[in-house]
Amino acid sequence: MLVVNFSVCRKGEANGREGLAFKVVDLCWSPPSDSSYKLNFDATFDSEKKLMGIGIVVRNYRGEAMIVVTAPRSHLRYAYSAECYALIRSIKLCREMRLQQVVIEGDAKSIIEDVIGQSTNSSWQGILIEDIKYLLKGMNGWKLSFVRRGSNKVAHIAAKLGMCFQILSQCGLKMVLL
């Protein structure tokens, strides 16, 4: 997938010319193999307001979006729990959709490493990880992978949108997507 980033430049920034400059960026997202799905998940977190937004995007082997989820959540204390919640919701969504072959990708490296790892931890983070491991049990056609932010951009944007929904609703505003 290629994305074109546009920006307005002052004189001297874009080859000595003033005006519109653009840069083509390869986001490195690649579709899954035939008959498979790829799910990207992300969470955004505001530590001051204790708010989070989750973003989930499920695409087929042609790269077509099958479903996009954006949702808010409040009363969280840590970014780690926000990312865990996004992964838990992603796994539940795949189960609800009865997906057999799915690659789940996210940019929460420490969480993905903890889930894939063999160690156990009795802290609150460890309990969340054990919940995720339990949800993944028996899902033999599923794979969990770490990707860099550039490959997870659409899920990140959806997560930001989820947080915006939360902030708007706290202000008494309603948002309707058409």
C-alpha atoms as a PDB file:
ATOM      1  CA  MET A   1       0.000   0.000   0.000  1.00  0.00           C
ATOM      2  CA  LEU A   2       1.351   3.401  -0.894  1.00  0.00           C
ATOM      3  CA  VAL A   3       0.346   6.593   0.816  1.00  0.00           C
ATOM      4  CA  VAL A   4       1.040  10.083  -0.393  1.00  0.00           C
ATOM      5  CA  ASN A   5       1.775  12.596   2.366  1.00  0.00           C
ATOM      6  CA  PHE A   6       1.179  16.206   1.390  1.00  0.00           C
ATOM      7  CA  SER A   7       2.511  19.226   3.194  1.00  0.00           C
ATOM      8  CA  VAL A   8       2.717  22.935   2.542  1.00  0.00           C
ATOM      9  CA  CYS A   9       6.304  24.137   2.412  1.00  0.00           C
ATOM     10  CA  ARG A  10       7.791  27.542   2.962  1.00  0.00           C
ATOM     11  CA  LYS A  11      10.268  28.883   0.472  1.00  0.00           C
ATOM     12  CA  GLY A  12      13.516  26.954   0.602  1.00  0.00           C
ATOM     13  CA  GLU A  13      12.114  23.717   2.099  1.00  0.00           C
ATOM     14  CA  ALA A  14      11.032  21.847  -1.035  1.00  0.00           C
ATOM     15  CA  ASN A  15      13.927  22.076  -3.437  1.00  0.00           C
ATOM     16  CA  GLY A  16      14.047  25.826  -2.973  1.00  0.00           C
ATOM     17  CA  ARG A  17      10.415  26.242  -4.039  1.00  0.00           C
ATOM     18  CA  GLU A  18       7.413  27.402  -2.095  1.00  0.00           C
ATOM     19  CA  GLY A  19       4.199  25.390  -2.414  1.00  0.00           C
ATOM     20  CA  LEU A  20       2.937  21.869  -2.074  1.00  0.00           C
ATOM     21  CA  ALA A  21       5.416  19.044  -1.528  1.00  0.00           C
ATOM     22  CA  PHE A  22       4.655  15.379  -1.387  1.00  0.00           C
ATOM     23  CA  LYS A  23       6.398  12.238  -0.315  1.00  0.00           C
ATOM     24  CA  VAL A  24       5.346   8.693  -1.150  1.00  0.00           C
ATOM     25  CA  VAL A  25       5.570   6.366   1.850  1.00  0.00           C
ATOM     26  CA  ASP A  26       5.288   2.582   1.741  1.00  0.00           C
ATOM     27  CA  LEU A  27       3.434   1.518   4.887  1.00  0.00           C
ATOM     28  CA  CYS A  28       4.667  -2.084   4.580  1.00  0.00           C
ATOM     29  CA  TRP A  29       1.274  -3.668   5.295  1.00  0.00           C
ATOM     30  CA  SER A  30       1.001  -6.889   3.357  1.00  0.00           C
ATOM     31  CA  PRO A  31      -2.112  -8.991   2.846  1.00  0.00           C
ATOM     32  CA  PRO A  32      -2.393 -12.495   4.285  1.00  0.00           C
ATOM     33  CA  SER A  33      -2.279 -15.620   2.155  1.00  0.00           C
ATOM     34  CA  ASP A  34      -5.366 -16.863   0.284  1.00  0.00           C
ATOM     35  CA  SER A  35      -8.301 -17.921   2.482  1.00  0.00           C
ATOM     36  CA  SER A  36      -6.761 -16.119   5.465  1.00  0.00           C
ATOM     37  CA  TYR A  37      -7.557 -12.887   7.256  1.00  0.00           C
ATOM     38  CA  LYS A  38      -5.312 -10.336   8.864  1.00  0.00           C
ATOM     39  CA  LEU A  39      -6.381  -8.404  11.939  1.00  0.00           C
ATOM     40  CA  ASN A  40      -4.491  -5.324  13.068  1.00  0.00           C
ATOM     41  CA  PHE A  41      -5.167  -3.914  16.533  1.00  0.00           C
ATOM     42  CA  ASP A  42      -4.015  -0.873  18.460  1.00  0.00           C
ATOM     43  CA  ALA A  43      -4.884   1.237  21.487  1.00  0.00           C
ATOM     44  CA  THR A  44      -4.361   4.876  22.328  1.00  0.00           C
ATOM     45  CA  PHE A  45      -4.175   5.988  25.932  1.00  0.00           C
ATOM     46  CA  ASP A  46      -4.450   9.304  27.774  1.00  0.00           C
ATOM     47  CA  SER A  47      -2.887   8.824  31.214  1.00  0.00           C
ATOM     48  CA  GLU A  48      -4.209  12.115  32.598  1.00  0.00           C
ATOM     49  CA  LYS A  49      -7.844  11.445  31.699  1.00  0.00           C
ATOM     50  CA  LYS A  50      -7.566   7.658  32.106  1.00  0.00           C
ATOM     51  CA  LEU A  51      -9.177   7.203  28.677  1.00  0.00           C
ATOM     52  CA  MET A  52      -8.392   4.842  25.855  1.00  0.00           C
ATOM     53  CA  GLY A  53      -9.535   4.117  22.357  1.00  0.00           C
ATOM     54  CA  ILE A  54      -9.193   0.814  20.565  1.00  0.00           C
ATOM     55  CA  GLY A  55      -8.928   0.236  16.864  1.00  0.00           C
ATOM     56  CA  ILE A  56      -9.343  -3.087  15.096  1.00  0.00           C
ATOM     57  CA  VAL A  57      -9.192  -3.699  11.350  1.00  0.00           C
ATOM     58  CA  VAL A  58      -9.886  -7.097   9.746  1.00  0.00           C
ATOM     59  CA  ARG A  59      -8.896  -7.489   6.100  1.00  0.00           C
ATOM     60  CA  ASN A  60      -9.040 -10.402   3.673  1.00  0.00           C
ATOM     61  CA  TYR A  61      -6.330 -11.708   1.347  1.00  0.00           C
ATOM     62  CA  ARG A  62      -7.182  -9.010  -1.214  1.00  0.00           C
ATOM     63  CA  GLY A  63      -6.603  -6.300   1.402  1.00  0.00           C
ATOM     64  CA  GLU A  64     -10.297  -5.411   1.559  1.00  0.00           C
ATOM     65  CA  ALA A  65     -11.540  -4.272   4.960  1.00  0.00           C
ATOM     66  CA  MET A  66     -14.116  -6.737   6.265  1.00  0.00           C
ATOM     67  CA  ILE A  67     -14.728  -4.891   9.529  1.00  0.00           C
ATOM     68  CA  VAL A  68     -13.364  -1.855  11.358  1.00  0.00           C
ATOM     69  CA  VAL A  69     -13.982  -1.439  15.086  1.00  0.00           C
ATOM     70  CA  THR A  70     -13.363   1.757  16.974  1.00  0.00           C
ATOM     71  CA  ALA A  71     -14.394   1.977  20.591  1.00  0.00           C
ATOM     72  CA  PRO A  72     -13.730   4.033  23.706  1.00  0.00           C
ATOM     73  CA  ARG A  73     -13.058   2.843  27.228  1.00  0.00           C
ATOM     74  CA  SER A  74     -12.471   4.782  30.420  1.00  0.00           C
ATOM     75  CA  HIS A  75     -11.110   4.264  33.943  1.00  0.00           C
ATOM     76  CA  LEU A  76      -7.834   2.659  32.895  1.00  0.00           C
ATOM     77  CA  ARG A  77      -4.567   3.454  34.615  1.00  0.00           C
ATOM     78  CA  TYR A  78      -1.916   2.055  32.308  1.00  0.00           C
ATOM     79  CA  ALA A  79      -1.148   1.901  28.602  1.00  0.00           C
ATOM     80  CA  TYR A  80      -0.226  -1.776  29.046  1.00  0.00           C
ATOM     81  CA  SER A  81      -3.777  -2.647  30.104  1.00  0.00           C
ATOM     82  CA  ALA A  82      -5.183  -0.580  27.212  1.00  0.00           C
ATOM     83  CA  GLU A  83      -3.160  -2.592  24.680  1.00  0.00           C
ATOM     84  CA  CYS A  84      -4.145  -5.858  26.416  1.00  0.00           C
ATOM     85  CA  TYR A  85      -7.815  -4.885  26.261  1.00  0.00           C
ATOM     86  CA  ALA A  86      -7.477  -4.126  22.533  1.00  0.00           C
ATOM     87  CA  LEU A  87      -5.909  -7.551  21.946  1.00  0.00           C
ATOM     88  CA  ILE A  88      -8.571  -9.318  24.035  1.00  0.00           C
ATOM     89  CA  ARG A  89     -11.328  -7.559  22.070  1.00  0.00           C
ATOM     90  CA  SER A  90      -9.567  -8.516  18.818  1.00  0.00           C
ATOM     91  CA  ILE A  91      -9.454 -12.197  19.759  1.00  0.00           C
ATOM     92  CA  LYS A  92     -13.122 -12.153  20.792  1.00  0.00           C
ATOM     93  CA  LEU A  93     -14.035 -10.500  17.481  1.00  0.00           C
ATOM     94  CA  CYS A  94     -12.226 -13.227  15.506  1.00  0.00           C
ATOM     95  CA  ARG A  95     -14.081 -15.862  17.519  1.00  0.00           C
ATOM     96  CA  GLU A  96     -17.427 -14.100  16.913  1.00  0.00           C
ATOM     97  CA  MET A  97     -16.654 -13.988  13.181  1.00  0.00           C
ATOM     98  CA  ARG A  98     -15.654 -17.688  13.340  1.00  0.00           C
ATOM     99  CA  LEU A  99     -12.387 -17.021  11.528  1.00  0.00           C
ATOM    100  CA  GLN A 100     -10.265 -20.137  11.074  1.00  0.00           C
ATOM    101  CA  GLN A 101      -7.060 -18.731   9.569  1.00  0.00           C
ATOM    102  CA  VAL A 102      -6.037 -15.338  10.951  1.00  0.00           C
ATOM    103  CA  VAL A 103      -2.854 -13.373  11.506  1.00  0.00           C
ATOM    104  CA  ILE A 104      -3.233 -10.943  14.409  1.00  0.00           C
ATOM    105  CA  GLU A 105      -0.790  -8.044  14.244  1.00  0.00           C
ATOM    106  CA  GLY A 106      -0.103  -5.228  16.671  1.00  0.00           C
ATOM    107  CA  ASP A 107       2.642  -2.797  17.587  1.00  0.00           C
ATOM    108  CA  ALA A 108       2.535  -3.572  21.339  1.00  0.00           C
ATOM    109  CA  LYS A 109       5.851  -5.440  21.340  1.00  0.00           C
ATOM    110  CA  SER A 110       6.096  -6.201  25.071  1.00  0.00           C
ATOM    111  CA  ILE A 111       2.558  -7.595  25.199  1.00  0.00           C
ATOM    112  CA  ILE A 112       3.024  -9.782  22.133  1.00  0.00           C
ATOM    113  CA  GLU A 113       6.351 -11.065  23.496  1.00  0.00           C
ATOM    114  CA  ASP A 114       4.686 -11.797  26.860  1.00  0.00           C
ATOM    115  CA  VAL A 115       1.836 -13.712  25.185  1.00  0.00           C
ATOM    116  CA  ILE A 116       4.177 -15.739  22.982  1.00  0.00           C
ATOM    117  CA  GLY A 117       6.601 -16.385  25.870  1.00  0.00           C
ATOM    118  CA  GLN A 118       6.446 -19.378  28.180  1.00  0.00           C
ATOM    119  CA  SER A 119       6.895 -17.630  31.524  1.00  0.00           C
ATOM    120  CA  THR A 120       4.092 -16.911  33.967  1.00  0.00           C
ATOM    121  CA  ASN A 121       3.671 -13.803  36.060  1.00  0.00           C
ATOM    122  CA  SER A 122       1.248 -13.302  38.972  1.00  0.00           C
ATOM    123  CA  SER A 123       1.163  -9.492  38.719  1.00  0.00           C
ATOM    124  CA  TRP A 124      -1.870  -7.735  37.262  1.00  0.00           C
ATOM    125  CA  GLN A 125      -0.073  -7.625  33.888  1.00  0.00           C
ATOM    126  CA  GLY A 126       0.578 -11.344  34.089  1.00  0.00           C
ATOM    127  CA  ILE A 127      -3.087 -12.033  34.804  1.00  0.00           C
ATOM    128  CA  LEU A 128      -4.087 -10.103  31.667  1.00  0.00           C
ATOM    129  CA  ILE A 129      -1.522 -12.057  29.646  1.00  0.00           C
ATOM    130  CA  GLU A 130      -2.837 -15.365  31.017  1.00  0.00           C
ATOM    131  CA  ASP A 131      -6.370 -14.306  29.991  1.00  0.00           C
ATOM    132  CA  ILE A 132      -5.105 -13.645  26.457  1.00  0.00           C
ATOM    133  CA  LYS A 133      -3.279 -16.984  26.335  1.00  0.00           C
ATOM    134  CA  TYR A 134      -6.459 -18.737  27.469  1.00  0.00           C
ATOM    135  CA  LEU A 135      -8.496 -17.061  24.702  1.00  0.00           C
ATOM    136  CA  LEU A 136      -5.914 -18.148  22.107  1.00  0.00           C
ATOM    137  CA  LYS A 137      -5.895 -21.803  23.240  1.00  0.00           C
ATOM    138  CA  GLY A 138      -7.033 -24.190  20.546  1.00  0.00           C
ATOM    139  CA  MET A 139      -6.862 -21.593  17.782  1.00  0.00           C
ATOM    140  CA  ASN A 140      -4.297 -23.518  15.732  1.00  0.00           C
ATOM    141  CA  GLY A 141      -4.786 -21.517  12.534  1.00  0.00           C
ATOM    142  CA  TRP A 142      -4.097 -18.222  14.313  1.00  0.00           C
ATOM    143  CA  LYS A 143      -0.774 -16.414  14.543  1.00  0.00           C
ATOM    144  CA  LEU A 144       0.128 -13.432  16.729  1.00  0.00           C
ATOM    145  CA  SER A 145       2.850 -11.115  15.379  1.00  0.00           C
ATOM    146  CA  PHE A 146       4.536  -7.847  16.231  1.00  0.00           C
ATOM    147  CA  VAL A 147       4.635  -5.183  13.491  1.00  0.00           C
ATOM    148  CA  ARG A 148       6.007  -1.667  13.479  1.00  0.00           C
ATOM    149  CA  ARG A 149       3.652   1.315  13.659  1.00  0.00           C
ATOM    150  CA  GLY A 150       3.856   1.912   9.884  1.00  0.00           C
ATOM    151  CA  SER A 151       2.250  -1.473   9.238  1.00  0.00           C
ATOM    152  CA  ASN A 152      -0.399  -0.812  11.870  1.00  0.00           C
ATOM    153  CA  LYS A 153      -1.392   2.729  10.860  1.00  0.00           C
ATOM    154  CA  VAL A 154      -5.069   2.088  10.044  1.00  0.00           C
ATOM    155  CA  ALA A 155      -5.699   0.406  13.404  1.00  0.00           C
ATOM    156  CA  HIS A 156      -3.899   3.293  15.125  1.00  0.00           C
ATOM    157  CA  ILE A 157      -6.150   5.850  13.412  1.00  0.00           C
ATOM    158  CA  ALA A 158      -9.224   3.818  14.414  1.00  0.00           C
ATOM    159  CA  ALA A 159      -7.977   3.768  18.033  1.00  0.00           C
ATOM    160  CA  LYS A 160      -7.562   7.548  18.025  1.00  0.00           C
ATOM    161  CA  LEU A 161     -11.107   7.860  16.703  1.00  0.00           C
ATOM    162  CA  GLY A 162     -12.335   5.676  19.578  1.00  0.00           C
ATOM    163  CA  MET A 163     -10.764   8.033  22.100  1.00  0.00           C
ATOM    164  CA  CYS A 164     -12.371  10.999  20.336  1.00  0.00           C
ATOM    165  CA  PHE A 165     -15.776   9.327  20.752  1.00  0.00           C
ATOM    166  CA  GLN A 166     -15.158   9.083  24.501  1.00  0.00           C
ATOM    167  CA  ILE A 167     -14.131  12.740  24.823  1.00  0.00           C
ATOM    168  CA  LEU A 168     -17.105  13.942  22.783  1.00  0.00           C
ATOM    169  CA  SER A 169     -19.572  11.869  24.798  1.00  0.00           C
ATOM    170  CA  GLN A 170     -18.158  13.268  28.055  1.00  0.00           C
ATOM    171  CA  CYS A 171     -18.922  16.729  26.696  1.00  0.00           C
ATOM    172  CA  GLY A 172     -22.516  15.684  26.034  1.00  0.00           C
ATOM    173  CA  LEU A 173     -22.083  15.502  22.260  1.00  0.00           C
ATOM    174  CA  LYS A 174     -23.367  12.635  20.164  1.00  0.00           C
ATOM    175  CA  MET A 175     -21.597  11.443  17.031  1.00  0.00           C
ATOM    176  CA  VAL A 176     -23.241   9.545  14.205  1.00  0.00           C
ATOM    177  CA  LEU A 177     -21.259   7.997  11.360  1.00  0.00           C
ATOM    178  CA  LEU A 178     -23.022   7.730   8.034  1.00  0.00           C
END
